């Protein structure tokens, strides 16, 4: 696809920096290079050049690389300027390039959008690219890289092709029922594979939660009575004063969150208001938020002060719980008991390494299958489920024409995932995730 205008943007990180990368893409790239440099640099070679303004004054000296389209990221002519990362240098270079007729500043995600529209990437790969840019942990990086390299797209496209084949066989039977070389019934050659495909989609969708944990993090919520040591433990695990610690009950009234990197997985740890019956209006709101957050958590860590009796508090239902005894440093003699999974002391650090190890193991367990292909977006899951509904309906249809139509609708849903059908309504949402220079 040919665009009438060219785009330019800073593609590297926040300024000032040691080096800044400015990216230019579009039909005016060659003219801009000749204007700024005086001559067109050789393709795919880093050239040390003097970059000049329109009046001939020097902007900076830096490396310039020219990628001729369509063998470039966007499929257009692309240039990258590696200059000193001062704010004034980058600003002058951007202004000089944008002053050239036909060149404008890029919008968020516009380089990647052009790559998609020019067939360099499909939608799944562009989403994975956004995940790769935003990856904070090793598991997020591996998961995003697997999808960015096209493995997920290949899976969905393979399923779609199997649906197309099944539909073609059915339509052939309808159109050429009297021909000898057309099977009298496609049930043996088509429907067994279609049933198998339905099961494969169901198994794949079932792994969405594991994929979501890799992308978004394993959600851990700390619950307990006031002064059970929640905020102290929260600070100890975060290794900073993230929460206010006080002997006064009800100090924590809102949800506080930090992110930990355990076993290469992101673990979101949330501190909450102490649970008790007699609470003021504001504290009561915090308690309700704590209970609501616990219901949606992957793991609830229930703390109990071992120097005090078991508090009479109502704990929300949670899919998985870990009971932890606190303030082990204040006990004399035996500090372990069958009622606790672990005992810790935020003051001395006792048991903290074991708790972190346990949280990492549970996060690993929840993200089982991270090395395989998993759905990476709710959008994918919704379309896969819609496709599965049409497949199941096709399997139960008595009429061949209705079966073929249901398979067409199923293939359409899978096609929408990778973008082989009209998905214009999805583009603004997907590409808005990117930064300006991407």
Protein backbone atom coordinates (compact mmCIF):
# COMPACT_ATOMS: atom_id res chain seq x y z
CA UNK A 1 0.00 0.00 0.00
CA UNK A 2 1.41 3.39 -1.01
CA UNK A 3 0.89 6.35 1.34
CA UNK A 4 0.97 9.92 0.10
CA UNK A 5 2.89 11.23 3.10
CA UNK A 6 6.00 10.13 4.95
CA UNK A 7 6.34 9.94 8.72
CA UNK A 8 9.13 10.68 11.17
CA UNK A 9 9.53 10.14 14.92
CA UNK A 10 11.98 9.49 17.74
CA UNK A 11 12.12 5.70 18.07
CA UNK A 12 14.46 5.35 21.03
CA UNK A 13 13.93 6.04 24.73
CA UNK A 14 13.46 9.13 26.86
CA UNK A 15 15.83 12.04 26.36
CA UNK A 16 18.50 12.95 27.21
CA UNK A 17 20.37 9.78 26.36
CA UNK A 18 23.73 8.70 25.00
CA UNK A 19 22.29 7.93 21.58
CA UNK A 20 18.90 8.73 20.04
CA UNK A 21 17.40 6.96 17.03
CA UNK A 22 15.11 8.92 14.70
CA UNK A 23 13.15 6.88 12.18
CA UNK A 24 11.75 8.08 8.83
CA UNK A 25 9.48 6.06 6.52
CA UNK A 26 7.74 6.76 3.23
CA UNK A 27 8.15 7.88 -0.35
CA UNK A 28 9.94 11.11 0.64
CA UNK A 29 12.71 9.27 2.48
CA UNK A 30 15.24 9.39 -0.37
CA UNK A 31 14.64 13.08 -0.97
CA UNK A 32 14.96 13.81 2.75
CA UNK A 33 18.28 11.93 2.92
CA UNK A 34 19.64 13.87 -0.04
CA UNK A 35 18.47 17.12 1.55
CA UNK A 36 19.90 16.45 5.04
CA UNK A 37 23.07 14.59 3.96
CA UNK A 38 23.73 15.93 0.45
CA UNK A 39 23.84 12.41 -1.07
CA UNK A 40 21.94 9.17 -0.71
CA UNK A 41 23.87 6.72 1.52
CA UNK A 42 24.41 3.09 0.44
CA UNK A 43 21.66 0.64 1.35
CA UNK A 44 21.92 -1.27 4.64
CA UNK A 45 25.30 0.21 5.57
CA UNK A 46 25.89 2.40 8.61
CA UNK A 47 27.46 5.62 7.31
CA UNK A 48 28.98 8.34 9.49
CA UNK A 49 27.54 11.55 8.03
CA UNK A 50 27.13 15.25 8.77
CA UNK A 51 23.44 16.16 9.11
CA UNK A 52 22.62 19.71 8.00
CA UNK A 53 19.64 22.07 8.15
CA UNK A 54 18.16 23.76 5.09
CA UNK A 55 20.45 26.79 5.58
CA UNK A 56 23.51 24.57 5.64
CA UNK A 57 24.15 24.78 9.38
CA UNK A 58 25.20 21.58 11.11
CA UNK A 59 22.63 19.66 13.16
CA UNK A 60 24.93 16.84 14.33
CA UNK A 61 27.28 14.14 13.13
CA UNK A 62 25.87 10.61 13.39
CA UNK A 63 25.28 7.23 11.80
CA UNK A 64 22.68 6.94 9.04
CA UNK A 65 21.23 3.68 7.69
CA UNK A 66 18.99 3.50 4.61
CA UNK A 67 16.62 0.55 4.03
CA UNK A 68 15.09 0.53 0.56
CA UNK A 69 11.53 -0.73 0.38
CA UNK A 70 9.98 -3.24 0.31
CA UNK A 71 12.85 -4.90 2.25
CA UNK A 72 12.27 -2.81 5.37
CA UNK A 73 10.21 -2.91 8.56
CA UNK A 74 7.31 -0.91 7.08
CA UNK A 75 7.70 -2.12 3.49
CA UNK A 76 8.52 1.45 2.44
CA UNK A 77 11.82 3.28 2.11
CA UNK A 78 13.08 3.73 5.68
CA UNK A 79 15.94 5.72 7.16
CA UNK A 80 17.33 5.65 10.69
CA UNK A 81 19.43 8.46 12.11
CA UNK A 82 21.58 7.61 15.14
CA UNK A 83 22.54 10.94 16.69
CA UNK A 84 23.60 12.25 20.09
CA UNK A 85 20.68 11.97 22.50
CA UNK A 86 20.39 15.59 23.57
CA UNK A 87 16.94 17.18 23.51
CA UNK A 88 18.07 20.09 21.34
CA UNK A 89 19.80 17.82 18.80
CA UNK A 90 16.76 15.54 18.39
CA UNK A 91 14.32 18.45 18.29
CA UNK A 92 16.28 20.22 15.55
CA UNK A 93 16.57 17.04 13.49
CA UNK A 94 12.85 16.28 13.79
CA UNK A 95 11.94 19.87 12.87
CA UNK A 96 14.26 19.82 9.87
CA UNK A 97 12.79 16.57 8.56
CA UNK A 98 9.17 17.57 9.24
CA UNK A 99 9.78 20.88 7.42
CA UNK A 100 10.29 18.96 4.16
CA UNK A 101 7.14 18.89 2.07
CA UNK A 102 5.29 15.57 2.41
CA UNK A 103 6.84 14.58 5.76
CA UNK A 104 4.93 14.82 9.06
CA UNK A 105 5.32 13.62 12.64
CA UNK A 106 4.09 10.03 13.15
CA UNK A 107 1.12 9.07 15.29
CA UNK A 108 1.36 6.30 17.96
CA UNK A 109 1.96 2.92 16.35
CA UNK A 110 1.95 4.29 12.81
CA UNK A 111 5.19 2.60 11.72
CA UNK A 112 3.84 -0.79 12.80
CA UNK A 113 0.46 -0.02 11.25
CA UNK A 114 2.12 0.60 7.90
CA UNK A 115 4.04 -2.66 8.30
CA UNK A 116 0.72 -4.45 8.80
CA UNK A 117 -1.01 -2.73 5.87
CA UNK A 118 1.96 -3.53 3.65
CA UNK A 119 1.82 -7.21 4.58
CA UNK A 120 5.03 -7.28 6.62
CA UNK A 121 3.20 -8.38 9.79
CA UNK A 122 -0.22 -9.79 10.62
CA UNK A 123 -2.37 -8.67 13.55
CA UNK A 124 -1.18 -11.38 15.93
CA UNK A 125 2.44 -10.49 15.20
CA UNK A 126 1.79 -6.77 15.77
CA UNK A 127 0.14 -7.51 19.11
CA UNK A 128 3.07 -9.73 20.06
CA UNK A 129 5.45 -6.93 19.08
CA UNK A 130 3.66 -4.62 21.53
CA UNK A 131 4.03 -7.31 24.21
CA UNK A 132 7.74 -7.66 23.42
CA UNK A 133 8.28 -3.92 23.82
CA UNK A 134 6.42 -3.92 27.14
CA UNK A 135 7.95 -7.16 28.47
CA UNK A 136 9.27 -6.79 32.03
CA UNK A 137 10.20 -10.39 32.84
CA UNK A 138 11.95 -13.26 31.07
CA UNK A 139 8.73 -15.27 30.70
CA UNK A 140 6.98 -12.26 29.12
CA UNK A 141 9.89 -11.84 26.70
CA UNK A 142 9.87 -15.52 25.67
CA UNK A 143 6.08 -15.58 25.31
CA UNK A 144 6.00 -12.41 23.20
CA UNK A 145 8.96 -13.49 21.06
CA UNK A 146 7.35 -16.84 20.26
CA UNK A 147 4.24 -15.06 18.98
CA UNK A 148 6.16 -12.23 17.27
CA UNK A 149 8.02 -14.81 15.18
CA UNK A 150 4.71 -16.06 13.79
CA UNK A 151 4.15 -19.33 15.66
CA UNK A 152 0.71 -18.31 16.90
CA UNK A 153 -0.28 -16.94 13.49
CA UNK A 154 0.80 -20.20 11.84
CA UNK A 155 -1.42 -22.17 14.25
CA UNK A 156 -4.53 -20.07 13.56
CA UNK A 157 -3.90 -19.95 9.82
CA UNK A 158 -3.47 -23.74 9.78
CA UNK A 159 -6.83 -24.18 11.50
CA UNK A 160 -8.42 -21.77 9.05
CA UNK A 161 -7.03 -23.69 6.08
CA UNK A 162 -8.47 -26.93 7.46
CA UNK A 163 -11.88 -25.26 7.64
CA UNK A 164 -11.50 -23.99 4.08
CA UNK A 165 -10.62 -27.51 2.92
CA UNK A 166 -13.64 -28.98 4.69
CA UNK A 167 -15.94 -26.37 3.22
CA UNK A 168 -14.49 -26.97 -0.27
CA UNK A 169 -15.14 -30.70 -0.01
CA UNK A 170 -18.72 -30.12 1.08
CA UNK A 171 -19.39 -27.60 -1.72
CA UNK A 172 -17.82 -29.99 -4.21
CA UNK A 173 -20.25 -32.69 -3.12
CA UNK A 174 -23.13 -30.23 -3.52
CA UNK A 175 -22.08 -28.98 -6.96
CA UNK A 176 -20.79 -32.23 -8.46
CA UNK A 177 -22.85 -34.89 -6.77
CA UNK A 178 -23.21 -36.79 -10.09
CA UNK A 179 -19.49 -36.94 -10.85
CA UNK A 180 -17.67 -40.22 -10.17
CA UNK A 181 -14.51 -38.59 -8.82
CA UNK A 182 -16.39 -36.73 -6.06
CA UNK A 183 -16.94 -38.78 -2.89
CA UNK A 184 -20.55 -39.64 -2.21
CA UNK A 185 -20.13 -38.60 1.39
CA UNK A 186 -17.54 -36.32 2.96
CA UNK A 187 -18.18 -37.52 6.51
CA UNK A 188 -15.21 -39.88 6.59
CA UNK A 189 -12.68 -37.44 5.09
CA UNK A 190 -13.88 -34.13 6.53
CA UNK A 191 -15.94 -34.45 9.67
CA UNK A 192 -13.45 -36.50 11.64
CA UNK A 193 -10.88 -33.73 11.15
CA UNK A 194 -13.45 -31.01 11.92
CA UNK A 195 -14.32 -32.72 15.22
CA UNK A 196 -10.62 -32.99 16.02
CA UNK A 197 -10.19 -29.29 15.20
CA UNK A 198 -13.01 -28.35 17.57
CA UNK A 199 -11.26 -30.21 20.39
CA UNK A 200 -7.93 -28.55 19.54
CA UNK A 201 -9.52 -25.11 19.76
CA UNK A 202 -11.13 -25.97 23.10
CA UNK A 203 -7.79 -27.15 24.53
CA UNK A 204 -6.07 -24.03 23.25
CA UNK A 205 -8.66 -21.67 24.74
CA UNK A 206 -8.35 -23.46 28.09
CA UNK A 207 -4.78 -22.20 28.30
CA UNK A 208 -5.78 -18.53 28.17
CA UNK A 209 -5.48 -18.01 31.92
CA UNK A 210 -1.89 -19.27 31.86
CA UNK A 211 -1.10 -16.90 29.01
CA UNK A 212 -2.81 -14.05 30.84
CA UNK A 213 -0.70 -14.71 33.93
CA UNK A 214 2.48 -14.53 31.83
CA UNK A 215 1.40 -11.24 30.22
CA UNK A 216 -0.30 -9.50 33.15
CA UNK A 217 1.21 -11.24 36.18
CA UNK A 218 0.28 -13.71 38.93
CA UNK A 219 -2.11 -11.86 41.25
CA UNK A 220 -1.35 -12.29 44.99
CA UNK A 221 -3.48 -10.52 47.62
CA UNK A 222 -2.48 -10.25 51.30
CA UNK A 223 -5.37 -10.48 53.78
CA UNK A 224 -5.60 -10.50 57.56
CA UNK A 225 -6.86 -8.72 60.63
CA UNK A 226 -5.57 -5.24 61.55
CA UNK A 227 -1.98 -5.32 62.84
CA UNK A 228 -1.41 -8.84 61.54
CA UNK A 229 1.75 -7.56 59.85
CA UNK A 230 0.43 -7.18 56.32
CA UNK A 231 2.09 -3.86 55.51
CA UNK A 232 5.35 -4.89 57.20
CA UNK A 233 5.49 -8.07 55.13
CA UNK A 234 4.47 -6.12 52.01
CA UNK A 235 7.38 -3.69 52.53
CA UNK A 236 9.82 -6.50 53.29
CA UNK A 237 8.94 -8.35 50.08
CA UNK A 238 8.98 -5.14 48.04
CA UNK A 239 12.29 -4.15 49.71
CA UNK A 240 11.11 -0.58 50.16
CA UNK A 241 8.69 1.47 52.26
CA UNK A 242 5.74 1.06 49.94
CA UNK A 243 3.10 1.02 52.70
CA UNK A 244 2.71 2.97 55.95
CA UNK A 245 3.40 0.81 59.01
CA UNK A 246 1.83 1.79 62.36
CA UNK A 247 0.62 0.19 65.57
CA UNK A 248 -2.68 1.99 65.02
CA UNK A 249 -5.28 -0.40 63.53
CA UNK A 250 -6.72 0.54 60.15
CA UNK A 251 -3.69 2.40 58.79
CA UNK A 252 -4.04 0.80 55.34
CA UNK A 253 -7.36 1.77 53.78
CA UNK A 254 -6.76 1.42 50.05
CA UNK A 255 -5.16 -1.20 47.83
CA UNK A 256 -1.38 -0.91 47.39
CA UNK A 257 0.39 -2.88 44.69
CA UNK A 258 3.98 -3.74 43.79
CA UNK A 259 5.37 -6.01 41.08
CA UNK A 260 7.94 -8.72 41.83
CA UNK A 261 9.99 -10.78 39.38
CA UNK A 262 9.99 -14.37 40.66
CA UNK A 263 11.34 -17.24 38.56
CA UNK A 264 11.14 -14.92 35.54
CA UNK A 265 7.41 -14.35 36.11
CA UNK A 266 5.71 -11.12 37.08
CA UNK A 267 3.96 -11.42 40.45
CA UNK A 268 1.58 -8.61 41.47
CA UNK A 269 1.49 -8.30 45.26
CA UNK A 270 -1.38 -6.32 46.81
CA UNK A 271 -1.60 -5.00 50.38
CA UNK A 272 -5.13 -4.49 51.71
CA UNK A 273 -7.07 -3.00 54.60
CA UNK A 274 -7.26 -5.09 57.77
CA UNK A 275 -10.44 -7.13 58.02
CA UNK A 276 -12.61 -6.36 61.06
CA UNK A 277 -16.27 -5.88 61.86
CA UNK A 278 -16.17 -2.53 63.68
CA UNK A 279 -14.80 -0.13 61.09
CA UNK A 280 -15.51 3.45 60.06
CA UNK A 281 -17.01 4.48 56.74
CA UNK A 282 -13.72 5.00 54.90
CA UNK A 283 -12.07 1.93 56.39
CA UNK A 284 -15.19 -0.07 55.56
CA UNK A 285 -14.82 0.89 51.90
CA UNK A 286 -11.23 -0.35 52.01
CA UNK A 287 -12.33 -3.66 53.54
CA UNK A 288 -14.92 -4.19 50.81
CA UNK A 289 -12.30 -3.47 48.15
CA UNK A 290 -9.95 -5.95 49.81
CA UNK A 291 -12.56 -8.71 49.76
CA UNK A 292 -13.50 -7.98 46.13
CA UNK A 293 -9.86 -8.04 45.06
CA UNK A 294 -9.26 -11.31 46.93
CA UNK A 295 -12.13 -13.01 45.08
CA UNK A 296 -10.45 -12.27 41.74
CA UNK A 297 -6.89 -13.12 42.88
CA UNK A 298 -4.85 -16.13 41.79
CA UNK A 299 -3.62 -16.59 45.37
CA UNK A 300 -4.67 -15.14 48.74
CA UNK A 301 -2.01 -15.00 51.47
CA UNK A 302 -3.82 -15.00 54.82
CA UNK A 303 -1.70 -13.57 57.63
CA UNK A 304 -2.21 -14.25 61.34
CA UNK A 305 -0.31 -12.69 64.22
CA UNK A 306 1.08 -15.72 66.09
CA UNK A 307 1.40 -13.71 69.30
CA UNK A 308 -2.37 -13.25 69.37
CA UNK A 309 -5.30 -15.62 69.14
CA UNK A 310 -7.01 -16.39 65.87
CA UNK A 311 -9.13 -13.32 65.00
CA UNK A 312 -12.83 -13.68 64.39
CA UNK A 313 -12.93 -12.32 60.83
CA UNK A 314 -14.86 -13.33 57.76
CA UNK A 315 -12.54 -14.37 54.95
CA UNK A 316 -13.78 -14.19 51.34
CA UNK A 317 -13.84 -17.29 49.20
CA UNK A 318 -10.63 -17.64 47.23
CA UNK A 319 -9.56 -20.31 44.72
CA UNK A 320 -6.23 -20.79 46.47
CA UNK A 321 -4.99 -19.77 49.92
CA UNK A 322 -1.65 -19.74 51.73
CA UNK A 323 -1.80 -19.39 55.52
CA UNK A 324 1.20 -17.55 56.97
CA UNK A 325 1.99 -16.93 60.62
CA UNK A 326 3.67 -13.58 61.32
CA UNK A 327 5.87 -12.01 64.02
CA UNK A 328 7.89 -15.17 64.57
CA UNK A 329 10.62 -13.08 66.24
CA UNK A 330 8.29 -12.35 69.19
CA UNK A 331 7.74 -16.01 70.02
CA UNK A 332 9.90 -17.99 72.40
CA UNK A 333 10.35 -21.69 71.66
CA UNK A 334 8.32 -23.38 68.96
CA UNK A 335 7.39 -21.10 66.10
CA UNK A 336 5.81 -23.59 63.76
CA UNK A 337 2.39 -25.10 63.86
CA UNK A 338 0.17 -27.30 61.72
CA UNK A 339 -2.25 -24.41 61.13
CA UNK A 340 0.31 -22.46 59.07
CA UNK A 341 1.90 -23.22 55.73
CA UNK A 342 4.79 -20.90 56.59
CA UNK A 343 5.90 -18.65 59.46
CA UNK A 344 7.75 -15.38 58.89
CA UNK A 345 9.18 -12.34 60.59
CA UNK A 346 9.26 -9.13 58.60
CA UNK A 347 11.60 -7.68 61.23
CA UNK A 348 14.34 -10.31 61.15
CA UNK A 349 13.66 -11.68 57.65
CA UNK A 350 12.96 -15.19 58.94
CA UNK A 351 10.96 -17.22 56.43
CA UNK A 352 10.88 -14.49 53.75
CA UNK A 353 13.08 -16.41 51.30
CA UNK A 354 10.88 -19.49 51.73
CA UNK A 355 7.76 -17.39 51.15
CA UNK A 356 9.20 -15.87 47.98
CA UNK A 357 10.21 -19.33 46.79
CA UNK A 358 6.68 -20.62 47.42
CA UNK A 359 5.10 -17.68 45.59
CA UNK A 360 7.41 -18.30 42.64
CA UNK A 361 6.54 -22.01 42.57
CA UNK A 362 2.80 -21.29 42.65
CA UNK A 363 3.18 -18.70 39.89
CA UNK A 364 5.13 -21.26 37.83
CA UNK A 365 2.41 -23.82 38.39
CA UNK A 366 -0.33 -21.37 37.33
CA UNK A 367 1.58 -20.47 34.17
CA UNK A 368 2.19 -24.08 33.17
CA UNK A 369 2.42 -24.36 29.40
CA UNK A 370 4.32 -21.10 28.94
CA UNK A 371 6.62 -22.86 26.51
CA UNK A 372 3.70 -23.87 24.28
CA UNK A 373 1.36 -21.76 22.19
CA UNK A 374 -1.27 -20.04 24.32
CA UNK A 375 -3.89 -17.40 23.50
CA UNK A 376 -2.36 -13.99 24.18
CA UNK A 377 -5.44 -11.74 23.93
CA UNK A 378 -9.05 -11.87 25.06
CA UNK A 379 -9.90 -10.85 21.49
CA UNK A 380 -8.39 -14.11 20.26
CA UNK A 381 -10.34 -16.17 22.79
CA UNK A 382 -13.65 -14.53 21.90
CA UNK A 383 -13.15 -15.14 18.18
CA UNK A 384 -11.97 -18.72 18.78
CA UNK A 385 -15.05 -19.42 20.88
CA UNK A 386 -17.31 -17.94 18.21
CA UNK A 387 -15.59 -20.09 15.60
CA UNK A 388 -16.03 -23.19 17.75
CA UNK A 389 -19.77 -22.47 18.06
CA UNK A 390 -20.10 -22.43 14.26
CA UNK A 391 -18.05 -25.63 13.98
CA UNK A 392 -20.25 -27.42 16.50
CA UNK A 393 -23.34 -26.18 14.68
CA UNK A 394 -21.94 -27.44 11.38
CA UNK A 395 -21.39 -30.86 12.94
CA UNK A 396 -25.05 -31.03 13.93
CA UNK A 397 -26.56 -29.63 10.71
CA UNK A 398 -28.47 -32.08 8.50
CA UNK A 399 -28.15 -29.93 5.37
CA UNK A 400 -24.89 -29.73 3.38
CA UNK A 401 -25.40 -26.10 2.35
CA UNK A 402 -25.93 -25.04 5.97
CA UNK A 403 -22.86 -27.02 7.00
CA UNK A 404 -20.73 -25.25 4.38
CA UNK A 405 -22.02 -21.85 5.54
CA UNK A 406 -21.23 -22.60 9.19
CA UNK A 407 -17.70 -23.63 8.25
CA UNK A 408 -17.34 -20.38 6.28
CA UNK A 409 -18.41 -18.39 9.35
CA UNK A 410 -15.99 -20.36 11.53
CA UNK A 411 -13.13 -19.68 9.12
CA UNK A 412 -14.08 -16.02 9.05
CA UNK A 413 -13.70 -15.79 12.85
CA UNK A 414 -10.23 -17.37 12.73
CA UNK A 415 -9.29 -15.08 9.86
CA UNK A 416 -10.20 -12.05 11.92
CA UNK A 417 -7.59 -13.02 14.52
CA UNK A 418 -4.67 -12.68 12.11
CA UNK A 419 -6.31 -9.98 9.96
CA UNK A 420 -6.96 -11.76 6.67
CA UNK A 421 -10.49 -10.33 6.55
CA UNK A 422 -11.79 -6.80 7.05
CA UNK A 423 -10.73 -5.76 10.55
CA UNK A 424 -10.57 -1.97 10.19
CA UNK A 425 -12.58 -1.51 13.39
CA UNK A 426 -9.78 -3.26 15.34
CA UNK A 427 -6.83 -1.29 14.01
CA UNK A 428 -7.13 1.88 16.10
CA UNK A 429 -7.35 -0.16 19.30
CA UNK A 430 -4.40 -2.42 18.48
CA UNK A 431 -1.96 0.19 17.21
CA UNK A 432 -2.74 2.71 19.95
CA UNK A 433 -0.74 0.43 22.30
CA UNK A 434 2.50 1.45 20.61
CA UNK A 435 4.70 4.43 21.38
CA UNK A 436 5.12 7.24 18.86
CA UNK A 437 8.32 5.95 17.25
CA UNK A 438 7.02 2.42 16.76
